[in-house]
Amino acid sequence: MKKTMPAKKAEATNAPSEFEFKDVTYVVQSKKKLPLALLEAIEEDRGEIQIVRAIVGQEQWAAFKASDPTIEDFEEFAALVSEAAGFGDTGN
């Protein structure tokens, strides 16, 4: 799982961030370019799956689900999505 563009650099340039999971490259928009559906999912406390799906979009969510993921896979994927979106732990 190699990150191809760090989230901080992507956020600074307003560019999408990419990461790989199970040999598939996923692209996540910078924070300000994420869909309004993400804020709605957070505000309505719809849960982690809905939030991750809102970040990656329907097409990439379908690609993730096609990998027949386990709960452990989802947890790892969610952490990568969060980091790519600029919501990950910055270590501060």
C-alpha atoms as a PDB file:
ATOM      1  CA  MET A   1       0.000   0.000   0.000  1.00  0.00           C
ATOM      2  CA  LYS A   2       2.010   2.878  -1.329  1.00  0.00           C
ATOM      3  CA  LYS A   3       0.815   6.455  -1.174  1.00  0.00           C
ATOM      4  CA  THR A   4       1.548   8.178  -4.446  1.00  0.00           C
ATOM      5  CA  MET A   5       0.809  11.725  -3.296  1.00  0.00           C
ATOM      6  CA  PRO A   6       0.876  12.713   0.372  1.00  0.00           C
ATOM      7  CA  ALA A   7      -2.322  14.287   1.659  1.00  0.00           C
ATOM      8  CA  LYS A   8      -0.577  17.396   3.019  1.00  0.00           C
ATOM      9  CA  LYS A   9       0.985  18.150  -0.373  1.00  0.00           C
ATOM     10  CA  ALA A  10      -2.312  17.454  -2.110  1.00  0.00           C
ATOM     11  CA  GLU A  11      -4.163  19.751   0.283  1.00  0.00           C
ATOM     12  CA  ALA A  12      -1.608  22.533  -0.205  1.00  0.00           C
ATOM     13  CA  THR A  13      -2.025  22.338  -3.973  1.00  0.00           C
ATOM     14  CA  ASN A  14      -5.764  21.552  -3.821  1.00  0.00           C
ATOM     15  CA  ALA A  15      -4.961  18.415  -5.828  1.00  0.00           C
ATOM     16  CA  PRO A  16      -6.406  14.937  -5.363  1.00  0.00           C
ATOM     17  CA  SER A  17      -4.487  12.440  -3.255  1.00  0.00           C
ATOM     18  CA  GLU A  18      -3.935   8.829  -4.305  1.00  0.00           C
ATOM     19  CA  PHE A  19      -3.309   5.594  -2.453  1.00  0.00           C
ATOM     20  CA  GLU A  20      -3.196   1.926  -3.338  1.00  0.00           C
ATOM     21  CA  PHE A  21      -5.173  -0.818  -1.658  1.00  0.00           C
ATOM     22  CA  LYS A  22      -5.085  -4.417  -2.878  1.00  0.00           C
ATOM     23  CA  ASP A  23      -3.446  -3.396  -6.161  1.00  0.00           C
ATOM     24  CA  VAL A  24      -6.123  -0.795  -6.968  1.00  0.00           C
ATOM     25  CA  THR A  25      -5.313   2.922  -7.018  1.00  0.00           C
ATOM     26  CA  TYR A  26      -7.910   5.119  -5.349  1.00  0.00           C
ATOM     27  CA  VAL A  27      -8.157   8.886  -5.813  1.00  0.00           C
ATOM     28  CA  VAL A  28      -9.517  11.148  -3.084  1.00  0.00           C
ATOM     29  CA  GLN A  29     -10.264  14.802  -3.681  1.00  0.00           C
ATOM     30  CA  SER A  30      -8.691  17.445  -1.446  1.00  0.00           C
ATOM     31  CA  LYS A  31     -10.740  18.421   1.625  1.00  0.00           C
ATOM     32  CA  LYS A  32     -12.372  21.447   0.047  1.00  0.00           C
ATOM     33  CA  LYS A  33     -13.332  19.479  -3.081  1.00  0.00           C
ATOM     34  CA  LEU A  34     -15.057  16.615  -1.255  1.00  0.00           C
ATOM     35  CA  PRO A  35     -18.814  16.317  -1.872  1.00  0.00           C
ATOM     36  CA  LEU A  36     -21.388  17.946   0.361  1.00  0.00           C
ATOM     37  CA  ALA A  37     -22.736  14.432   0.985  1.00  0.00           C
ATOM     38  CA  LEU A  38     -19.716  13.919   3.248  1.00  0.00           C
ATOM     39  CA  LEU A  39     -20.711  16.770   5.554  1.00  0.00           C
ATOM     40  CA  GLU A  40     -24.271  15.490   5.590  1.00  0.00           C
ATOM     41  CA  ALA A  41     -23.104  11.980   6.518  1.00  0.00           C
ATOM     42  CA  ILE A  42     -20.962  13.377   9.341  1.00  0.00           C
ATOM     43  CA  GLU A  43     -23.627  15.768  10.600  1.00  0.00           C
ATOM     44  CA  GLU A  44     -26.326  13.091  10.522  1.00  0.00           C
ATOM     45  CA  ASP A  45     -23.956  10.641  12.259  1.00  0.00           C
ATOM     46  CA  ARG A  46     -24.563   7.999   9.589  1.00  0.00           C
ATOM     47  CA  GLY A  47     -21.506   5.987  10.554  1.00  0.00           C
ATOM     48  CA  GLU A  48     -18.082   5.191   9.210  1.00  0.00           C
ATOM     49  CA  ILE A  49     -19.184   3.207   6.167  1.00  0.00           C
ATOM     50  CA  GLN A  50     -21.383   6.037   4.885  1.00  0.00           C
ATOM     51  CA  ILE A  51     -18.611   8.563   5.487  1.00  0.00           C
ATOM     52  CA  VAL A  52     -15.981   6.508   3.654  1.00  0.00           C
ATOM     53  CA  ARG A  53     -18.410   5.872   0.789  1.00  0.00           C
ATOM     54  CA  ALA A  54     -19.108   9.616   0.529  1.00  0.00           C
ATOM     55  CA  ILE A  55     -15.380  10.360   0.340  1.00  0.00           C
ATOM     56  CA  VAL A  56     -14.484   7.802  -2.336  1.00  0.00           C
ATOM     57  CA  GLY A  57     -17.700   7.993  -4.370  1.00  0.00           C
ATOM     58  CA  GLN A  58     -19.902   5.238  -5.741  1.00  0.00           C
ATOM     59  CA  GLU A  59     -17.535   3.965  -8.454  1.00  0.00           C
ATOM     60  CA  GLN A  60     -14.533   3.557  -6.150  1.00  0.00           C
ATOM     61  CA  TRP A  61     -16.747   2.155  -3.379  1.00  0.00           C
ATOM     62  CA  ALA A  62     -17.951  -0.497  -5.847  1.00  0.00           C
ATOM     63  CA  ALA A  63     -14.314  -1.334  -6.690  1.00  0.00           C
ATOM     64  CA  PHE A  64     -13.531  -1.732  -2.982  1.00  0.00           C
ATOM     65  CA  LYS A  65     -16.563  -3.953  -2.406  1.00  0.00           C
ATOM     66  CA  ALA A  66     -15.649  -6.050  -5.455  1.00  0.00           C
ATOM     67  CA  SER A  67     -12.486  -7.079  -3.578  1.00  0.00           C
ATOM     68  CA  ASP A  68     -14.719  -9.049  -1.177  1.00  0.00           C
ATOM     69  CA  PRO A  69     -13.354  -7.138   1.831  1.00  0.00           C
ATOM     70  CA  THR A  70     -13.372  -8.297   5.423  1.00  0.00           C
ATOM     71  CA  ILE A  71     -14.040  -6.027   8.386  1.00  0.00           C
ATOM     72  CA  GLU A  72     -10.275  -5.840   8.891  1.00  0.00           C
ATOM     73  CA  ASP A  73      -9.873  -4.793   5.233  1.00  0.00           C
ATOM     74  CA  PHE A  74     -12.486  -2.077   5.716  1.00  0.00           C
ATOM     75  CA  GLU A  75     -10.694  -0.743   8.782  1.00  0.00           C
ATOM     76  CA  GLU A  76      -7.421  -0.514   6.848  1.00  0.00           C
ATOM     77  CA  PHE A  77      -9.148   0.999   3.806  1.00  0.00           C
ATOM     78  CA  ALA A  78     -10.979   3.552   5.970  1.00  0.00           C
ATOM     79  CA  ALA A  79      -7.698   4.637   7.585  1.00  0.00           C
ATOM     80  CA  LEU A  80      -6.106   5.125   4.146  1.00  0.00           C
ATOM     81  CA  VAL A  81      -9.142   7.053   2.884  1.00  0.00           C
ATOM     82  CA  SER A  82      -9.111   9.272   5.962  1.00  0.00           C
ATOM     83  CA  GLU A  83      -5.412   9.985   5.596  1.00  0.00           C
ATOM     84  CA  ALA A  84      -5.720  10.683   1.867  1.00  0.00           C
ATOM     85  CA  ALA A  85      -8.595  13.091   2.546  1.00  0.00           C
ATOM     86  CA  GLY A  86      -6.481  14.936   5.092  1.00  0.00           C
ATOM     87  CA  PHE A  87      -8.433  13.705   8.108  1.00  0.00           C
ATOM     88  CA  GLY A  88      -5.820  11.217   9.315  1.00  0.00           C
ATOM     89  CA  ASP A  89      -3.721  11.486  12.445  1.00  0.00           C
ATOM     90  CA  THR A  90      -1.042  14.081  11.876  1.00  0.00           C
ATOM     91  CA  GLY A  91       0.941  12.995  14.900  1.00  0.00           C
ATOM     92  CA  ASN A  92       0.333  16.256  16.777  1.00  0.00           C
END
